[in-house]
PDB file of all heavy atoms in Angstrom:
ATOM      1  N   LYS A   1       2.216  -4.530  37.858  1.00  0.00           N
ATOM      2  CA  LYS A   1       2.303  -5.125  39.238  1.00  0.00           C
ATOM      3  C   LYS A   1       1.859  -6.752  39.248  1.00  0.00           C
ATOM      4  O   LYS A   1       0.891  -6.991  38.667  1.00  0.00           O
ATOM      5  CB  LYS A   1       1.447  -4.364  40.203  1.00  0.00           C
ATOM      6  CG  LYS A   1       1.835  -4.616  41.620  1.00  0.00           C
ATOM      7  CD  LYS A   1       1.079  -3.805  42.639  1.00  0.00           C
ATOM      8  CE  LYS A   1       1.397  -2.268  42.280  1.00  0.00           C
ATOM      9  NZ  LYS A   1       0.697  -1.373  43.305  1.00  0.00           N
ATOM     10  N   GLY A   2       2.749  -7.462  39.796  1.00  0.00           N
ATOM     11  CA  GLY A   2       2.582  -8.958  39.725  1.00  0.00           C
ATOM     12  C   GLY A   2       3.116  -9.632  38.599  1.00  0.00           C
ATOM     13  O   GLY A   2       3.296 -10.853  38.612  1.00  0.00           O
ATOM     14  N   ARG A   3       3.575  -8.865  37.601  1.00  0.00           N
ATOM     15  CA  ARG A   3       4.146  -9.403  36.263  1.00  0.00           C
ATOM     16  C   ARG A   3       5.763  -9.131  36.235  1.00  0.00           C
ATOM     17  O   ARG A   3       6.519  -9.842  35.748  1.00  0.00           O
ATOM     18  CB  ARG A   3       3.534  -9.169  35.071  1.00  0.00           C
ATOM     19  CG  ARG A   3       1.945  -9.567  35.048  1.00  0.00           C
ATOM     20  CD  ARG A   3       1.348  -9.153  33.769  1.00  0.00           C
ATOM     21  NE  ARG A   3       1.359  -7.699  33.412  1.00  0.00           N
ATOM     22  CZ  ARG A   3       2.013  -7.186  32.374  1.00  0.00           C
ATOM     23  NH1 ARG A   3       2.688  -7.893  31.480  1.00  0.00           N
ATOM     24  NH2 ARG A   3       1.814  -5.910  32.213  1.00  0.00           N
ATOM     25  N   PHE A   4       5.957  -7.862  36.659  1.00  0.00           N
ATOM     26  CA  PHE A   4       7.445  -7.378  36.586  1.00  0.00           C
ATOM     27  C   PHE A   4       7.952  -7.314  37.902  1.00  0.00           C
ATOM     28  O   PHE A   4       7.393  -7.082  38.896  1.00  0.00           O
ATOM     29  CB  PHE A   4       7.371  -6.011  35.972  1.00  0.00           C
ATOM     30  CG  PHE A   4       7.028  -5.885  34.568  1.00  0.00           C
ATOM     31  CD1 PHE A   4       6.459  -6.954  33.771  1.00  0.00           C
ATOM     32  CD2 PHE A   4       7.240  -4.692  33.890  1.00  0.00           C
ATOM     33  CE1 PHE A   4       6.075  -6.990  32.405  1.00  0.00           C
ATOM     34  CE2 PHE A   4       6.880  -4.596  32.501  1.00  0.00           C
ATOM     35  CZ  PHE A   4       6.390  -5.745  31.796  1.00  0.00           C
ATOM     36  N   THR A   5       9.265  -7.569  38.012  1.00  0.00           N
ATOM     37  CA  THR A   5      10.098  -7.357  39.193  1.00  0.00           C
ATOM     38  C   THR A   5      11.272  -6.597  39.081  1.00  0.00           C
ATOM     39  O   THR A   5      12.160  -6.992  38.074  1.00  0.00           O
ATOM     40  CB  THR A   5      10.453  -8.844  39.816  1.00  0.00           C
ATOM     41  OG1 THR A   5       9.244  -9.521  40.050  1.00  0.00           O
ATOM     42  CG2 THR A   5      11.074  -8.676  41.158  1.00  0.00           C
ATOM     43  N   ILE A   6      11.484  -5.690  39.770  1.00  0.00           N
ATOM     44  CA  ILE A   6      12.791  -4.858  39.624  1.00  0.00           C
ATOM     45  C   ILE A   6      13.708  -5.426  40.791  1.00  0.00           C
ATOM     46  O   ILE A   6      13.333  -5.637  41.854  1.00  0.00           O
ATOM     47  CB  ILE A   6      12.459  -3.301  39.734  1.00  0.00           C
ATOM     48  CG1 ILE A   6      13.748  -2.528  39.399  1.00  0.00           C
ATOM     49  CG2 ILE A   6      11.916  -2.864  41.275  1.00  0.00           C
ATOM     50  CD1 ILE A   6      13.494  -1.044  39.235  1.00  0.00           C
ATOM     51  N   SER A   7      14.935  -5.441  40.431  1.00  0.00           N
ATOM     52  CA  SER A   7      16.032  -5.767  41.391  1.00  0.00           C
ATOM     53  C   SER A   7      17.318  -5.013  41.151  1.00  0.00           C
ATOM     54  O   SER A   7      17.451  -4.272  40.149  1.00  0.00           O
ATOM     55  CB  SER A   7      16.329  -7.181  41.482  1.00  0.00           C
ATOM     56  OG  SER A   7      16.716  -7.662  40.127  1.00  0.00           O
ATOM     57  N   ARG A   8      18.257  -5.123  41.960  1.00  0.00           N
ATOM     58  CA  ARG A   8      19.519  -4.296  41.790  1.00  0.00           C
ATOM     59  C   ARG A   8      20.780  -5.194  42.307  1.00  0.00           C
ATOM     60  O   ARG A   8      20.662  -6.014  43.153  1.00  0.00           O
ATOM     61  CB  ARG A   8      19.480  -3.074  42.655  1.00  0.00           C
ATOM     62  CG  ARG A   8      19.378  -3.270  44.066  1.00  0.00           C
ATOM     63  CD  ARG A   8      19.346  -1.930  44.876  1.00  0.00           C
ATOM     64  NE  ARG A   8      19.164  -2.268  46.328  1.00  0.00           N
ATOM     65  CZ  ARG A   8      19.260  -1.301  47.217  1.00  0.00           C
ATOM     66  NH1 ARG A   8      19.525  -0.095  46.979  1.00  0.00           N
ATOM     67  NH2 ARG A   8      19.232  -1.684  48.488  1.00  0.00           N
ATOM     68  N   ASP A   9      21.816  -4.745  41.793  1.00  0.00           N
ATOM     69  CA  ASP A   9      23.062  -5.368  42.365  1.00  0.00           C
ATOM     70  C   ASP A   9      23.963  -3.930  42.562  1.00  0.00           C
ATOM     71  O   ASP A   9      24.513  -3.358  41.804  1.00  0.00           O
ATOM     72  CB  ASP A   9      23.887  -6.068  41.245  1.00  0.00           C
ATOM     73  CG  ASP A   9      25.109  -6.665  41.722  1.00  0.00           C
ATOM     74  OD1 ASP A   9      25.721  -6.099  42.759  1.00  0.00           O
ATOM     75  OD2 ASP A   9      25.659  -7.557  41.103  1.00  0.00           O
ATOM     76  N   SER A  10      23.844  -3.644  43.898  1.00  0.00           N
ATOM     77  CA  SER A  10      24.388  -2.311  44.277  1.00  0.00           C
ATOM     78  C   SER A  10      25.935  -2.181  44.067  1.00  0.00           C
ATOM     79  O   SER A  10      26.458  -1.081  43.612  1.00  0.00           O
ATOM     80  CB  SER A  10      24.145  -1.995  45.792  1.00  0.00           C
ATOM     81  OG  SER A  10      22.807  -1.967  45.945  1.00  0.00           O
ATOM     82  N   ALA A  11      26.577  -3.313  44.229  1.00  0.00           N
ATOM     83  CA  ALA A  11      28.132  -3.333  43.937  1.00  0.00           C
ATOM     84  C   ALA A  11      28.459  -3.076  42.517  1.00  0.00           C
ATOM     85  O   ALA A  11      29.475  -2.423  42.223  1.00  0.00           O
ATOM     86  CB  ALA A  11      28.623  -4.725  44.288  1.00  0.00           C
ATOM     87  N   LYS A  12      27.601  -3.298  41.694  1.00  0.00           N
ATOM     88  CA  LYS A  12      27.815  -3.005  40.191  1.00  0.00           C
ATOM     89  C   LYS A  12      27.112  -1.915  39.568  1.00  0.00           C
ATOM     90  O   LYS A  12      27.185  -1.714  38.417  1.00  0.00           O
ATOM     91  CB  LYS A  12      27.514  -4.376  39.352  1.00  0.00           C
ATOM     92  CG  LYS A  12      28.295  -5.567  39.700  1.00  0.00           C
ATOM     93  CD  LYS A  12      27.945  -6.802  38.914  1.00  0.00           C
ATOM     94  CE  LYS A  12      28.730  -7.917  39.278  1.00  0.00           C
ATOM     95  NZ  LYS A  12      28.367  -9.114  38.404  1.00  0.00           N
ATOM     96  N   ASN A  13      26.416  -1.259  40.423  1.00  0.00           N
ATOM     97  CA  ASN A  13      25.570  -0.068  40.098  1.00  0.00           C
ATOM     98  C   ASN A  13      24.538  -0.449  38.826  1.00  0.00           C
ATOM     99  O   ASN A  13      24.525   0.067  37.869  1.00  0.00           O
ATOM    100  CB  ASN A  13      26.381   1.204  39.631  1.00  0.00           C
ATOM    101  CG  ASN A  13      27.076   1.683  40.776  1.00  0.00           C
ATOM    102  OD1 ASN A  13      26.468   1.805  41.984  1.00  0.00           O
ATOM    103  ND2 ASN A  13      28.187   2.333  40.602  1.00  0.00           N
ATOM    104  N   THR A  14      24.003  -1.614  39.088  1.00  0.00           N
ATOM    105  CA  THR A  14      23.239  -2.233  37.928  1.00  0.00           C
ATOM    106  C   THR A  14      21.865  -2.466  38.405  1.00  0.00           C
ATOM    107  O   THR A  14      21.675  -2.991  39.641  1.00  0.00           O
ATOM    108  CB  THR A  14      23.811  -3.592  37.505  1.00  0.00           C
ATOM    109  OG1 THR A  14      25.123  -3.240  36.952  1.00  0.00           O
ATOM    110  CG2 THR A  14      22.970  -4.160  36.342  1.00  0.00           C
ATOM    111  N   VAL A  15      20.879  -2.197  37.644  1.00  0.00           N
ATOM    112  CA  VAL A  15      19.317  -2.524  37.962  1.00  0.00           C
ATOM    113  C   VAL A  15      18.776  -3.517  36.798  1.00  0.00           C
ATOM    114  O   VAL A  15      19.190  -3.361  35.678  1.00  0.00           O
ATOM    115  CB  VAL A  15      18.549  -1.281  38.072  1.00  0.00           C
ATOM    116  CG1 VAL A  15      18.541  -0.533  36.657  1.00  0.00           C
ATOM    117  CG2 VAL A  15      17.132  -1.587  38.641  1.00  0.00           C
ATOM    118  N   TYR A  16      17.977  -4.424  37.293  1.00  0.00           N
ATOM    119  CA  TYR A  16      17.248  -5.415  36.394  1.00  0.00           C
ATOM    120  C   TYR A  16      15.841  -5.159  36.415  1.00  0.00           C
ATOM    121  O   TYR A  16      15.193  -4.694  37.442  1.00  0.00           O
ATOM    122  CB  TYR A  16      17.691  -6.733  36.710  1.00  0.00           C
ATOM    123  CG  TYR A  16      19.257  -6.966  36.942  1.00  0.00           C
ATOM    124  CD1 TYR A  16      19.899  -6.842  38.122  1.00  0.00           C
ATOM    125  CD2 TYR A  16      19.982  -7.334  35.752  1.00  0.00           C
ATOM    126  CE1 TYR A  16      21.072  -7.067  38.291  1.00  0.00           C
ATOM    127  CE2 TYR A  16      21.299  -7.575  35.925  1.00  0.00           C
ATOM    128  CZ  TYR A  16      21.849  -7.449  37.083  1.00  0.00           C
ATOM    129  OH  TYR A  16      23.275  -7.605  37.294  1.00  0.00           O
ATOM    130  N   LEU A  17      15.208  -5.546  35.225  1.00  0.00           N
ATOM    131  CA  LEU A  17      13.655  -5.672  35.238  1.00  0.00           C
ATOM    132  C   LEU A  17      13.335  -7.067  34.711  1.00  0.00           C
ATOM    133  O   LEU A  17      13.645  -7.305  33.391  1.00  0.00           O
ATOM    134  CB  LEU A  17      13.115  -4.511  34.392  1.00  0.00           C
ATOM    135  CG  LEU A  17      11.677  -4.438  34.390  1.00  0.00           C
ATOM    136  CD1 LEU A  17      11.122  -4.112  35.776  1.00  0.00           C
ATOM    137  CD2 LEU A  17      11.255  -3.398  33.250  1.00  0.00           C
ATOM    138  N   GLN A  18      12.907  -7.948  35.477  1.00  0.00           N
ATOM    139  CA  GLN A  18      12.435  -9.176  35.021  1.00  0.00           C
ATOM    140  C   GLN A  18      10.960  -9.025  34.613  1.00  0.00           C
ATOM    141  O   GLN A  18      10.150  -8.606  35.453  1.00  0.00           O
ATOM    142  CB  GLN A  18      12.479 -10.210  36.137  1.00  0.00           C
ATOM    143  CG  GLN A  18      11.998 -11.675  35.696  1.00  0.00           C
ATOM    144  CD  GLN A  18      12.832 -12.157  34.620  1.00  0.00           C
ATOM    145  OE1 GLN A  18      14.021 -12.285  34.747  1.00  0.00           O
ATOM    146  NE2 GLN A  18      12.086 -12.785  33.479  1.00  0.00           N
ATOM    147  N   MET A  19      10.550  -9.169  33.327  1.00  0.00           N
ATOM    148  CA  MET A  19       9.310  -9.033  32.866  1.00  0.00           C
ATOM    149  C   MET A  19       8.736 -10.356  32.352  1.00  0.00           C
ATOM    150  O   MET A  19       9.259 -11.090  31.557  1.00  0.00           O
ATOM    151  CB  MET A  19       9.308  -8.072  31.480  1.00  0.00           C
ATOM    152  CG  MET A  19       9.930  -6.755  31.907  1.00  0.00           C
ATOM    153  SD  MET A  19       9.845  -5.505  30.491  1.00  0.00           S
ATOM    154  CE  MET A  19      10.918  -6.405  29.364  1.00  0.00           C
ATOM    155  N   ASN A  20       7.680 -10.798  33.034  1.00  0.00           N
ATOM    156  CA  ASN A  20       6.940 -12.078  32.873  1.00  0.00           C
ATOM    157  C   ASN A  20       5.647 -11.848  32.306  1.00  0.00           C
ATOM    158  O   ASN A  20       5.066 -10.683  32.541  1.00  0.00           O
ATOM    159  CB  ASN A  20       6.994 -12.872  34.019  1.00  0.00           C
ATOM    160  CG  ASN A  20       8.330 -13.336  34.650  1.00  0.00           C
ATOM    161  OD1 ASN A  20       9.110 -13.465  33.867  1.00  0.00           O
ATOM    162  ND2 ASN A  20       8.434 -13.458  35.939  1.00  0.00           N
ATOM    163  N   ASN A  21       5.065 -12.784  31.546  1.00  0.00           N
ATOM    164  CA  ASN A  21       3.668 -12.714  31.093  1.00  0.00           C
ATOM    165  C   ASN A  21       3.481 -11.432  30.311  1.00  0.00           C
ATOM    166  O   ASN A  21       2.438 -10.781  30.569  1.00  0.00           O
ATOM    167  CB  ASN A  21       2.659 -12.877  32.223  1.00  0.00           C
ATOM    168  CG  ASN A  21       1.257 -13.172  31.753  1.00  0.00           C
ATOM    169  OD1 ASN A  21       1.129 -13.653  30.625  1.00  0.00           O
ATOM    170  ND2 ASN A  21       0.331 -12.860  32.472  1.00  0.00           N
ATOM    171  N   LEU A  22       4.348 -11.274  29.305  1.00  0.00           N
ATOM    172  CA  LEU A  22       4.305 -10.126  28.632  1.00  0.00           C
ATOM    173  C   LEU A  22       3.054  -9.946  27.805  1.00  0.00           C
ATOM    174  O   LEU A  22       2.642 -10.919  27.245  1.00  0.00           O
ATOM    175  CB  LEU A  22       5.491  -9.927  27.708  1.00  0.00           C
ATOM    176  CG  LEU A  22       6.794  -9.413  28.570  1.00  0.00           C
ATOM    177  CD1 LEU A  22       8.080  -9.765  27.782  1.00  0.00           C
ATOM    178  CD2 LEU A  22       6.762  -7.907  28.886  1.00  0.00           C
ATOM    179  N   GLU A  23       2.448  -8.676  27.615  1.00  0.00           N
ATOM    180  CA  GLU A  23       1.334  -8.501  26.819  1.00  0.00           C
ATOM    181  C   GLU A  23       1.687  -7.487  25.760  1.00  0.00           C
ATOM    182  O   GLU A  23       2.687  -6.782  25.935  1.00  0.00           O
ATOM    183  CB  GLU A  23       0.237  -7.859  27.790  1.00  0.00           C
ATOM    184  CG  GLU A  23      -0.039  -8.705  28.942  1.00  0.00           C
ATOM    185  CD  GLU A  23      -1.050  -8.010  29.908  1.00  0.00           C
ATOM    186  OE1 GLU A  23      -1.184  -6.815  29.695  1.00  0.00           O
ATOM    187  OE2 GLU A  23      -1.482  -8.620  30.884  1.00  0.00           O
ATOM    188  N   PRO A  24       0.907  -7.332  24.449  1.00  0.00           N
ATOM    189  CA  PRO A  24       1.124  -6.636  23.508  1.00  0.00           C
ATOM    190  C   PRO A  24       1.266  -5.178  24.121  1.00  0.00           C
ATOM    191  O   PRO A  24       1.948  -4.321  23.430  1.00  0.00           O
ATOM    192  CB  PRO A  24       0.000  -6.775  22.574  1.00  0.00           C
ATOM    193  CG  PRO A  24      -0.364  -8.178  22.764  1.00  0.00           C
ATOM    194  CD  PRO A  24      -0.137  -8.536  24.276  1.00  0.00           C
ATOM    195  N   GLU A  25       0.440  -4.775  25.140  1.00  0.00           N
ATOM    196  CA  GLU A  25       0.500  -3.360  25.663  1.00  0.00           C
ATOM    197  C   GLU A  25       1.782  -3.050  26.296  1.00  0.00           C
ATOM    198  O   GLU A  25       1.927  -1.824  26.619  1.00  0.00           O
ATOM    199  CB  GLU A  25      -0.760  -3.267  26.612  1.00  0.00           C
ATOM    200  CG  GLU A  25      -2.164  -3.370  25.989  1.00  0.00           C
ATOM    201  CD  GLU A  25      -2.460  -4.727  25.631  1.00  0.00           C
ATOM    202  OE1 GLU A  25      -1.964  -5.718  26.146  1.00  0.00           O
ATOM    203  OE2 GLU A  25      -3.423  -4.821  24.871  1.00  0.00           O
ATOM    204  N   ASP A  26       2.512  -4.094  26.656  1.00  0.00           N
ATOM    205  CA  ASP A  26       3.893  -3.749  27.208  1.00  0.00           C
ATOM    206  C   ASP A  26       4.956  -3.343  26.133  1.00  0.00           C
ATOM    207  O   ASP A  26       6.042  -2.895  26.533  1.00  0.00           O
ATOM    208  CB  ASP A  26       4.490  -5.003  27.884  1.00  0.00           C
ATOM    209  CG  ASP A  26       3.694  -5.355  29.070  1.00  0.00           C
ATOM    210  OD1 ASP A  26       3.235  -4.559  29.843  1.00  0.00           O
ATOM    211  OD2 ASP A  26       3.489  -6.548  29.285  1.00  0.00           O
ATOM    212  N   ALA A  27       4.679  -3.480  24.821  1.00  0.00           N
ATOM    213  CA  ALA A  27       5.640  -3.139  23.837  1.00  0.00           C
ATOM    214  C   ALA A  27       5.908  -1.676  23.913  1.00  0.00           C
ATOM    215  O   ALA A  27       5.115  -0.787  24.022  1.00  0.00           O
ATOM    216  CB  ALA A  27       5.028  -3.487  22.502  1.00  0.00           C
ATOM    217  N   ALA A  28       7.220  -1.297  23.927  1.00  0.00           N
ATOM    218  CA  ALA A  28       7.620   0.243  24.061  1.00  0.00           C
ATOM    219  C   ALA A  28       9.119   0.183  24.078  1.00  0.00           C
ATOM    220  O   ALA A  28       9.807  -0.869  23.991  1.00  0.00           O
ATOM    221  CB  ALA A  28       7.047   0.794  25.328  1.00  0.00           C
ATOM    222  N   VAL A  29       9.621   1.448  24.040  1.00  0.00           N
ATOM    223  CA  VAL A  29      11.114   1.695  24.207  1.00  0.00           C
ATOM    224  C   VAL A  29      11.135   1.708  25.758  1.00  0.00           C
ATOM    225  O   VAL A  29      10.481   2.648  26.351  1.00  0.00           O
ATOM    226  CB  VAL A  29      11.677   2.784  23.617  1.00  0.00           C
ATOM    227  CG1 VAL A  29      13.156   2.940  23.969  1.00  0.00           C
ATOM    228  CG2 VAL A  29      11.638   2.623  22.006  1.00  0.00           C
ATOM    229  N   TYR A  30      12.078   0.997  26.416  1.00  0.00           N
ATOM    230  CA  TYR A  30      12.287   1.028  27.949  1.00  0.00           C
ATOM    231  C   TYR A  30      13.562   1.827  28.100  1.00  0.00           C
ATOM    232  O   TYR A  30      14.582   1.400  27.586  1.00  0.00           O
ATOM    233  CB  TYR A  30      12.278  -0.448  28.443  1.00  0.00           C
ATOM    234  CG  TYR A  30      10.999  -0.995  28.495  1.00  0.00           C
ATOM    235  CD1 TYR A  30      10.266  -1.540  27.414  1.00  0.00           C
ATOM    236  CD2 TYR A  30      10.354  -1.308  29.888  1.00  0.00           C
ATOM    237  CE1 TYR A  30       8.980  -2.024  27.581  1.00  0.00           C
ATOM    238  CE2 TYR A  30       9.127  -1.953  29.870  1.00  0.00           C
ATOM    239  CZ  TYR A  30       8.474  -2.287  28.755  1.00  0.00           C
ATOM    240  OH  TYR A  30       7.154  -2.846  28.833  1.00  0.00           O
ATOM    241  N   TYR A  31      13.380   2.823  28.907  1.00  0.00           N
ATOM    242  CA  TYR A  31      14.527   3.679  29.265  1.00  0.00           C
ATOM    243  C   TYR A  31      14.840   3.510  30.855  1.00  0.00           C
ATOM    244  O   TYR A  31      14.117   3.535  31.695  1.00  0.00           O
ATOM    245  CB  TYR A  31      14.134   5.173  29.124  1.00  0.00           C
ATOM    246  CG  TYR A  31      13.765   5.415  27.695  1.00  0.00           C
ATOM    247  CD1 TYR A  31      12.660   5.478  27.192  1.00  0.00           C
ATOM    248  CD2 TYR A  31      14.945   5.865  26.890  1.00  0.00           C
ATOM    249  CE1 TYR A  31      12.400   5.827  25.763  1.00  0.00           C
ATOM    250  CE2 TYR A  31      14.727   6.222  25.658  1.00  0.00           C
ATOM    251  CZ  TYR A  31      13.467   6.342  25.155  1.00  0.00           C
ATOM    252  OH  TYR A  31      13.178   6.545  23.826  1.00  0.00           O
ATOM    253  N   CYS A  32      16.269   3.265  30.980  1.00  0.00           N
ATOM    254  CA  CYS A  32      16.811   3.226  32.347  1.00  0.00           C
ATOM    255  C   CYS A  32      16.987   4.638  32.834  1.00  0.00           C
ATOM    256  O   CYS A  32      17.343   5.575  32.074  1.00  0.00           O
ATOM    257  CB  CYS A  32      18.042   2.375  32.305  1.00  0.00           C
ATOM    258  SG  CYS A  32      18.812   2.363  33.891  1.00  0.00           S
ATOM    259  N   TYR A  33      16.652   4.860  34.229  1.00  0.00           N
ATOM    260  CA  TYR A  33      17.025   6.105  34.806  1.00  0.00           C
ATOM    261  C   TYR A  33      17.702   5.844  36.054  1.00  0.00           C
ATOM    262  O   TYR A  33      17.465   4.826  36.744  1.00  0.00           O
ATOM    263  CB  TYR A  33      15.727   6.903  34.825  1.00  0.00           C
ATOM    264  CG  TYR A  33      15.146   6.770  36.287  1.00  0.00           C
ATOM    265  CD1 TYR A  33      15.513   7.686  37.310  1.00  0.00           C
ATOM    266  CD2 TYR A  33      14.154   5.987  36.511  1.00  0.00           C
ATOM    267  CE1 TYR A  33      14.818   7.490  38.531  1.00  0.00           C
ATOM    268  CE2 TYR A  33      13.541   5.687  37.742  1.00  0.00           C
ATOM    269  CZ  TYR A  33      13.949   6.527  38.770  1.00  0.00           C
ATOM    270  OH  TYR A  33      13.324   6.453  40.062  1.00  0.00           O
TER     271      TYR A  33
END
């Protein structure tokens, strides 16, 4: 919270995740659902 922002483009059925100020603890495989 405060570092990541989720957004969408409904017309394209697309979701985005803007990730700022990344930390080593953020390292992972990210899965869209």
